[in-house]
């Protein structure tokens, strides 16, 4: 998918494969994702490349991540983050009892993560369990 707007936009469209009965918070699995390329939009000091392993399990998730700061070069390994999560029947994730959608399930093996959603230029990541 290409955009005809004057800004640079590119994307891919895939069908959402909803399991029988819809998605539920009881969905479990291990997913892998990261940022492979970082483009700075005036927040270079906060930009970083990452590799993440996320485990979903019955209403919670745990992430183990390795980061390298693209501006500072600093490295952080095995950082962990655990939170509660709600997976709605339409496949949207809401973490920590907020109202902001953090991710959208494409299938039981893949989801799209919206990182830094409150920033002007959020990072979109595809997480895959395979």
N, C-alpha and C. Protein backbone atom coordinates (compact mmCIF):
# COMPACT_ATOMS: atom_id res chain seq x y z
N UNK A 1 0.84 -1.15 0.00
CA UNK A 1 0.00 0.00 0.00
C UNK A 1 0.90 1.23 0.00
N UNK A 2 0.69 2.13 -0.91
CA UNK A 2 1.43 3.39 -0.97
C UNK A 2 0.45 4.54 -0.84
N UNK A 3 0.90 5.63 -0.25
CA UNK A 3 0.05 6.80 -0.07
C UNK A 3 0.34 7.82 -1.16
N UNK A 4 -0.67 8.56 -1.55
CA UNK A 4 -0.47 9.63 -2.53
C UNK A 4 -0.24 10.98 -1.86
N UNK A 5 -0.15 11.01 -0.53
CA UNK A 5 0.09 12.27 0.17
C UNK A 5 1.54 12.70 -0.04
N UNK A 6 1.86 13.97 0.25
CA UNK A 6 3.23 14.45 0.05
C UNK A 6 4.23 13.89 1.08
N UNK A 7 3.74 13.21 2.12
CA UNK A 7 4.65 12.59 3.08
C UNK A 7 4.97 11.17 2.63
N UNK A 8 6.02 10.62 3.18
CA UNK A 8 6.42 9.26 2.83
C UNK A 8 5.59 8.28 3.66
N UNK A 9 4.88 7.41 2.99
CA UNK A 9 4.08 6.41 3.68
C UNK A 9 4.12 5.12 2.88
N UNK A 10 4.28 4.04 3.58
CA UNK A 10 4.25 2.73 2.95
C UNK A 10 3.67 1.76 3.97
N UNK A 11 3.02 0.74 3.53
CA UNK A 11 2.43 -0.20 4.47
C UNK A 11 2.01 -1.48 3.79
N UNK A 12 1.54 -2.39 4.58
CA UNK A 12 1.08 -3.67 4.10
C UNK A 12 -0.28 -3.95 4.73
N UNK A 13 -1.16 -4.52 3.96
CA UNK A 13 -2.48 -4.88 4.48
C UNK A 13 -2.56 -6.40 4.50
N UNK A 14 -3.01 -6.93 5.63
CA UNK A 14 -3.22 -8.37 5.76
C UNK A 14 -4.57 -8.59 6.42
N UNK A 15 -5.22 -9.72 6.13
CA UNK A 15 -6.51 -9.97 6.78
C UNK A 15 -6.31 -10.35 8.25
N UNK A 16 -7.26 -9.99 9.08
CA UNK A 16 -7.23 -10.39 10.48
C UNK A 16 -7.91 -11.76 10.57
N UNK A 17 -7.21 -12.73 11.13
CA UNK A 17 -7.74 -14.09 11.27
C UNK A 17 -8.24 -14.28 12.70
N UNK A 18 -9.53 -14.09 12.90
CA UNK A 18 -10.12 -14.15 14.23
C UNK A 18 -10.46 -15.61 14.56
N UNK A 19 -9.97 -16.12 15.70
CA UNK A 19 -10.31 -17.50 16.05
C UNK A 19 -11.79 -17.64 16.41
N UNK A 20 -12.30 -18.86 16.34
CA UNK A 20 -13.70 -19.09 16.72
C UNK A 20 -13.94 -18.57 18.12
N UNK A 21 -14.98 -17.77 18.30
CA UNK A 21 -15.27 -17.19 19.60
C UNK A 21 -14.57 -15.86 19.85
N UNK A 22 -13.73 -15.41 18.91
CA UNK A 22 -13.03 -14.14 19.05
C UNK A 22 -11.77 -14.27 19.88
N UNK A 23 -11.05 -13.18 20.01
CA UNK A 23 -9.85 -13.14 20.84
C UNK A 23 -10.28 -12.98 22.29
N UNK A 24 -9.50 -13.50 23.22
CA UNK A 24 -9.81 -13.36 24.64
C UNK A 24 -8.52 -13.08 25.41
N UNK A 25 -8.69 -12.61 26.66
CA UNK A 25 -7.55 -12.35 27.52
C UNK A 25 -6.81 -13.64 27.84
N UNK A 26 -7.46 -14.78 27.69
CA UNK A 26 -6.80 -16.05 28.00
C UNK A 26 -5.82 -16.50 26.93
N UNK A 27 -5.68 -15.74 25.84
CA UNK A 27 -4.73 -16.10 24.79
C UNK A 27 -3.32 -16.09 25.37
N UNK A 28 -2.53 -17.08 25.01
CA UNK A 28 -1.17 -17.21 25.55
C UNK A 28 -0.19 -17.51 24.42
N UNK A 29 1.06 -17.13 24.61
CA UNK A 29 2.09 -17.42 23.63
C UNK A 29 3.31 -16.55 23.83
N UNK A 30 4.37 -16.88 23.12
CA UNK A 30 5.61 -16.11 23.15
C UNK A 30 5.80 -15.48 21.79
N UNK A 31 6.05 -14.17 21.76
CA UNK A 31 6.15 -13.39 20.53
C UNK A 31 7.49 -12.66 20.50
N UNK A 32 8.01 -12.43 19.29
CA UNK A 32 9.31 -11.79 19.10
C UNK A 32 9.14 -10.56 18.22
N UNK A 33 9.78 -9.44 18.59
CA UNK A 33 9.73 -8.24 17.78
C UNK A 33 10.87 -7.31 18.16
N UNK A 34 11.06 -6.28 17.36
CA UNK A 34 12.09 -5.30 17.66
C UNK A 34 12.07 -4.18 16.64
N UNK A 35 12.94 -3.22 16.83
CA UNK A 35 13.09 -2.13 15.88
C UNK A 35 14.36 -2.36 15.10
N UNK A 36 14.24 -2.44 13.79
CA UNK A 36 15.40 -2.71 12.95
C UNK A 36 16.04 -1.47 12.39
N UNK A 37 15.29 -0.38 12.31
CA UNK A 37 15.81 0.87 11.78
C UNK A 37 15.12 2.01 12.51
N UNK A 38 15.88 2.98 12.91
CA UNK A 38 15.32 4.11 13.65
C UNK A 38 15.56 5.38 12.86
N UNK A 39 14.51 6.13 12.64
CA UNK A 39 14.61 7.43 11.97
C UNK A 39 14.27 8.48 13.02
N UNK A 40 15.13 9.46 13.21
CA UNK A 40 14.93 10.46 14.25
C UNK A 40 14.03 11.59 13.78
N UNK A 41 13.08 11.93 14.62
CA UNK A 41 12.18 13.06 14.36
C UNK A 41 12.32 14.08 15.49
N UNK A 42 13.55 14.48 15.76
CA UNK A 42 13.78 15.51 16.77
C UNK A 42 13.85 14.98 18.19
N UNK A 43 13.80 13.67 18.36
CA UNK A 43 13.92 13.10 19.69
C UNK A 43 15.04 12.06 19.70
N UNK A 44 16.14 12.37 19.02
CA UNK A 44 17.23 11.42 18.81
C UNK A 44 17.81 10.89 20.11
N UNK A 45 17.83 11.69 21.17
CA UNK A 45 18.42 11.21 22.41
C UNK A 45 17.62 10.07 23.01
N UNK A 46 16.35 9.96 22.65
CA UNK A 46 15.50 8.89 23.19
C UNK A 46 15.38 7.71 22.23
N UNK A 47 15.90 7.83 21.03
CA UNK A 47 15.76 6.76 20.04
C UNK A 47 16.65 5.58 20.40
N UNK A 48 16.14 4.39 20.17
CA UNK A 48 16.92 3.20 20.45
C UNK A 48 16.45 2.04 19.59
N UNK A 49 17.37 1.14 19.34
CA UNK A 49 17.04 -0.09 18.63
C UNK A 49 16.83 -1.17 19.69
N UNK A 50 15.93 -2.12 19.40
CA UNK A 50 15.64 -3.11 20.43
C UNK A 50 15.32 -4.47 19.84
N UNK A 51 15.47 -5.47 20.69
CA UNK A 51 15.02 -6.83 20.43
C UNK A 51 14.20 -7.22 21.66
N UNK A 52 12.98 -7.73 21.42
CA UNK A 52 12.07 -8.02 22.52
C UNK A 52 11.50 -9.42 22.42
N UNK A 53 11.30 -10.05 23.58
CA UNK A 53 10.59 -11.32 23.68
C UNK A 53 9.43 -11.06 24.65
N UNK A 54 8.21 -11.22 24.17
CA UNK A 54 7.02 -10.95 24.96
C UNK A 54 6.26 -12.25 25.17
N UNK A 55 5.90 -12.52 26.42
CA UNK A 55 5.11 -13.71 26.74
C UNK A 55 3.75 -13.26 27.25
N UNK A 56 2.69 -13.66 26.53
CA UNK A 56 1.31 -13.42 26.96
C UNK A 56 0.83 -14.64 27.73
N UNK A 57 0.16 -14.41 28.85
CA UNK A 57 -0.33 -15.54 29.62
C UNK A 57 -1.52 -15.11 30.47
N UNK A 58 -2.72 -15.48 30.06
CA UNK A 58 -3.93 -15.30 30.86
C UNK A 58 -4.07 -13.94 31.54
N UNK A 59 -4.07 -12.89 30.75
CA UNK A 59 -4.33 -11.56 31.29
C UNK A 59 -3.12 -10.79 31.74
N UNK A 60 -1.93 -11.26 31.43
CA UNK A 60 -0.73 -10.50 31.77
C UNK A 60 0.31 -10.73 30.69
N UNK A 61 1.32 -9.87 30.69
CA UNK A 61 2.44 -10.09 29.78
C UNK A 61 3.75 -9.78 30.47
N UNK A 62 4.79 -10.38 29.98
CA UNK A 62 6.14 -10.14 30.46
C UNK A 62 7.02 -9.93 29.24
N UNK A 63 7.81 -8.84 29.24
CA UNK A 63 8.72 -8.55 28.15
C UNK A 63 10.15 -8.58 28.67
N UNK A 64 11.03 -9.24 27.93
CA UNK A 64 12.46 -9.17 28.18
C UNK A 64 13.05 -8.50 26.95
N UNK A 65 13.81 -7.41 27.15
CA UNK A 65 14.29 -6.62 26.02
C UNK A 65 15.76 -6.26 26.15
N UNK A 66 16.41 -6.12 24.99
CA UNK A 66 17.76 -5.59 24.90
C UNK A 66 17.68 -4.32 24.07
N UNK A 67 18.32 -3.23 24.54
CA UNK A 67 18.27 -1.94 23.86
C UNK A 67 19.67 -1.41 23.59
N UNK A 68 19.82 -0.70 22.48
CA UNK A 68 21.03 0.07 22.18
C UNK A 68 20.58 1.46 21.78
N UNK A 69 21.04 2.49 22.49
CA UNK A 69 20.71 3.86 22.17
C UNK A 69 21.38 4.27 20.87
N UNK A 70 20.61 4.77 19.90
CA UNK A 70 21.20 5.12 18.61
C UNK A 70 22.03 6.40 18.69
N UNK A 71 21.72 7.28 19.62
CA UNK A 71 22.50 8.51 19.76
C UNK A 71 23.63 8.33 20.76
N UNK A 72 23.33 7.69 21.89
CA UNK A 72 24.32 7.57 22.96
C UNK A 72 25.21 6.34 22.81
N UNK A 73 24.71 5.30 22.13
CA UNK A 73 25.47 4.06 22.02
C UNK A 73 25.40 3.21 23.28
N UNK A 74 24.67 3.68 24.30
CA UNK A 74 24.57 2.91 25.53
C UNK A 74 23.75 1.64 25.28
N UNK A 75 24.10 0.58 26.00
CA UNK A 75 23.41 -0.69 25.84
C UNK A 75 22.80 -1.13 27.15
N UNK A 76 21.61 -1.71 27.05
CA UNK A 76 20.92 -2.25 28.21
C UNK A 76 20.44 -3.64 27.83
N UNK A 77 20.74 -4.62 28.66
CA UNK A 77 20.33 -5.98 28.32
C UNK A 77 19.39 -6.55 29.38
N UNK A 78 18.55 -7.44 28.95
CA UNK A 78 17.65 -8.21 29.81
C UNK A 78 16.77 -7.34 30.71
N UNK A 79 16.30 -6.23 30.17
CA UNK A 79 15.35 -5.41 30.92
C UNK A 79 14.00 -6.11 30.91
N UNK A 80 13.31 -6.12 32.02
CA UNK A 80 12.02 -6.80 32.09
C UNK A 80 10.91 -5.81 32.40
N UNK A 81 9.73 -6.12 31.93
CA UNK A 81 8.55 -5.30 32.15
C UNK A 81 7.36 -6.25 32.21
N UNK A 82 6.62 -6.23 33.29
CA UNK A 82 5.44 -7.07 33.44
C UNK A 82 4.23 -6.20 33.70
N UNK A 83 3.13 -6.53 33.06
CA UNK A 83 1.90 -5.74 33.21
C UNK A 83 0.69 -6.63 33.03
N UNK A 84 -0.45 -6.10 33.46
CA UNK A 84 -1.71 -6.78 33.16
C UNK A 84 -2.19 -6.30 31.80
N UNK A 85 -3.01 -7.10 31.16
CA UNK A 85 -3.46 -6.77 29.82
C UNK A 85 -4.88 -7.29 29.61
N UNK A 86 -5.63 -6.56 28.81
CA UNK A 86 -6.94 -7.01 28.38
C UNK A 86 -6.90 -7.18 26.87
N UNK A 87 -7.30 -8.35 26.40
CA UNK A 87 -7.40 -8.59 24.97
C UNK A 87 -8.89 -8.61 24.64
N UNK A 88 -9.35 -7.62 23.89
CA UNK A 88 -10.77 -7.52 23.53
C UNK A 88 -11.12 -8.51 22.42
N UNK A 89 -12.38 -8.81 22.27
CA UNK A 89 -12.80 -9.80 21.27
C UNK A 89 -12.43 -9.39 19.84
N UNK A 90 -12.27 -8.06 19.60
CA UNK A 90 -11.87 -7.61 18.26
C UNK A 90 -10.36 -7.67 18.05
N UNK A 91 -9.60 -8.13 19.07
CA UNK A 91 -8.16 -8.29 18.94
C UNK A 91 -7.34 -7.13 19.44
N UNK A 92 -7.97 -6.07 19.93
CA UNK A 92 -7.19 -4.94 20.46
C UNK A 92 -6.71 -5.25 21.87
N UNK A 93 -5.50 -4.80 22.19
CA UNK A 93 -4.92 -4.95 23.53
C UNK A 93 -5.07 -3.63 24.27
N UNK A 94 -5.35 -3.71 25.53
CA UNK A 94 -5.29 -2.54 26.41
C UNK A 94 -4.51 -2.97 27.64
N UNK A 95 -3.41 -2.28 27.92
CA UNK A 95 -2.54 -2.65 29.04
C UNK A 95 -2.79 -1.75 30.24
N UNK A 96 -2.66 -2.32 31.42
CA UNK A 96 -2.71 -1.59 32.70
C UNK A 96 -3.99 -0.80 32.92
N UNK A 97 -5.12 -1.34 32.52
CA UNK A 97 -6.42 -0.72 32.79
C UNK A 97 -6.54 0.69 32.23
N UNK A 98 -5.85 0.99 31.15
CA UNK A 98 -5.99 2.29 30.50
C UNK A 98 -7.03 2.16 29.40
N UNK A 99 -7.27 3.22 28.67
CA UNK A 99 -8.21 3.16 27.54
C UNK A 99 -7.48 3.19 26.21
N UNK A 100 -6.16 3.37 26.22
CA UNK A 100 -5.39 3.45 24.98
C UNK A 100 -5.09 2.06 24.44
N UNK A 101 -5.36 1.85 23.16
CA UNK A 101 -5.04 0.58 22.50
C UNK A 101 -3.53 0.52 22.29
N UNK A 102 -2.90 -0.56 22.80
CA UNK A 102 -1.45 -0.74 22.68
C UNK A 102 -1.06 -1.64 21.52
N UNK A 103 -1.96 -2.54 21.13
CA UNK A 103 -1.63 -3.48 20.07
C UNK A 103 -2.92 -4.06 19.48
N UNK A 104 -2.78 -4.68 18.31
CA UNK A 104 -3.92 -5.28 17.64
C UNK A 104 -3.50 -6.66 17.14
N UNK A 105 -4.25 -7.69 17.54
CA UNK A 105 -3.97 -9.05 17.08
C UNK A 105 -4.32 -9.17 15.61
N UNK A 106 -3.44 -9.77 14.83
CA UNK A 106 -3.72 -10.10 13.43
C UNK A 106 -4.23 -11.54 13.38
N UNK A 107 -3.62 -12.40 14.19
CA UNK A 107 -4.01 -13.80 14.33
C UNK A 107 -3.52 -14.24 15.70
N UNK A 108 -3.70 -15.50 16.04
CA UNK A 108 -3.21 -15.97 17.34
C UNK A 108 -1.69 -16.07 17.37
N UNK A 109 -1.02 -15.93 16.22
CA UNK A 109 0.44 -16.01 16.16
C UNK A 109 1.13 -14.70 15.81
N UNK A 110 0.35 -13.62 15.61
CA UNK A 110 0.94 -12.35 15.16
C UNK A 110 0.11 -11.17 15.64
N UNK A 111 0.78 -10.10 16.06
CA UNK A 111 0.08 -8.86 16.39
C UNK A 111 0.92 -7.66 16.02
N UNK A 112 0.27 -6.51 15.91
CA UNK A 112 0.94 -5.24 15.62
C UNK A 112 1.00 -4.45 16.92
N UNK A 113 2.20 -4.09 17.34
CA UNK A 113 2.43 -3.34 18.55
C UNK A 113 2.60 -1.86 18.21
N UNK A 114 1.98 -0.98 19.00
CA UNK A 114 2.09 0.46 18.80
C UNK A 114 2.94 1.00 19.95
N UNK A 115 4.23 1.21 19.69
CA UNK A 115 5.16 1.67 20.72
C UNK A 115 5.23 3.19 20.71
N UNK A 116 5.28 3.80 21.87
CA UNK A 116 5.32 5.27 22.01
C UNK A 116 4.11 5.91 21.34
N UNK A 117 2.94 5.36 21.59
CA UNK A 117 1.71 5.84 20.94
C UNK A 117 1.40 7.30 21.23
N UNK A 118 1.90 7.83 22.34
CA UNK A 118 1.61 9.22 22.68
C UNK A 118 2.55 10.20 21.97
N UNK A 119 3.59 9.69 21.29
CA UNK A 119 4.53 10.55 20.58
C UNK A 119 3.98 10.95 19.21
N UNK A 120 4.53 11.98 18.63
CA UNK A 120 4.10 12.42 17.30
C UNK A 120 4.36 11.36 16.24
N UNK A 121 5.42 10.57 16.41
CA UNK A 121 5.78 9.53 15.46
C UNK A 121 5.94 8.20 16.20
N UNK A 122 4.84 7.51 16.47
CA UNK A 122 4.95 6.23 17.17
C UNK A 122 5.66 5.19 16.31
N UNK A 123 6.18 4.17 16.97
CA UNK A 123 6.87 3.09 16.27
C UNK A 123 5.90 1.91 16.16
N UNK A 124 5.70 1.43 14.95
CA UNK A 124 4.81 0.30 14.71
C UNK A 124 5.69 -0.95 14.53
N UNK A 125 5.42 -1.98 15.32
CA UNK A 125 6.21 -3.20 15.28
C UNK A 125 5.29 -4.39 15.06
N UNK A 126 5.71 -5.34 14.25
CA UNK A 126 4.97 -6.57 14.06
C UNK A 126 5.62 -7.66 14.89
N UNK A 127 4.85 -8.25 15.81
CA UNK A 127 5.35 -9.32 16.67
C UNK A 127 4.86 -10.65 16.14
N UNK A 128 5.74 -11.63 16.15
CA UNK A 128 5.43 -12.93 15.56
C UNK A 128 5.86 -14.03 16.52
N UNK A 129 5.07 -15.08 16.62
CA UNK A 129 5.40 -16.16 17.53
C UNK A 129 6.17 -17.28 16.83
N UNK A 130 6.47 -17.12 15.57
CA UNK A 130 7.14 -18.20 14.84
C UNK A 130 8.60 -17.91 14.64
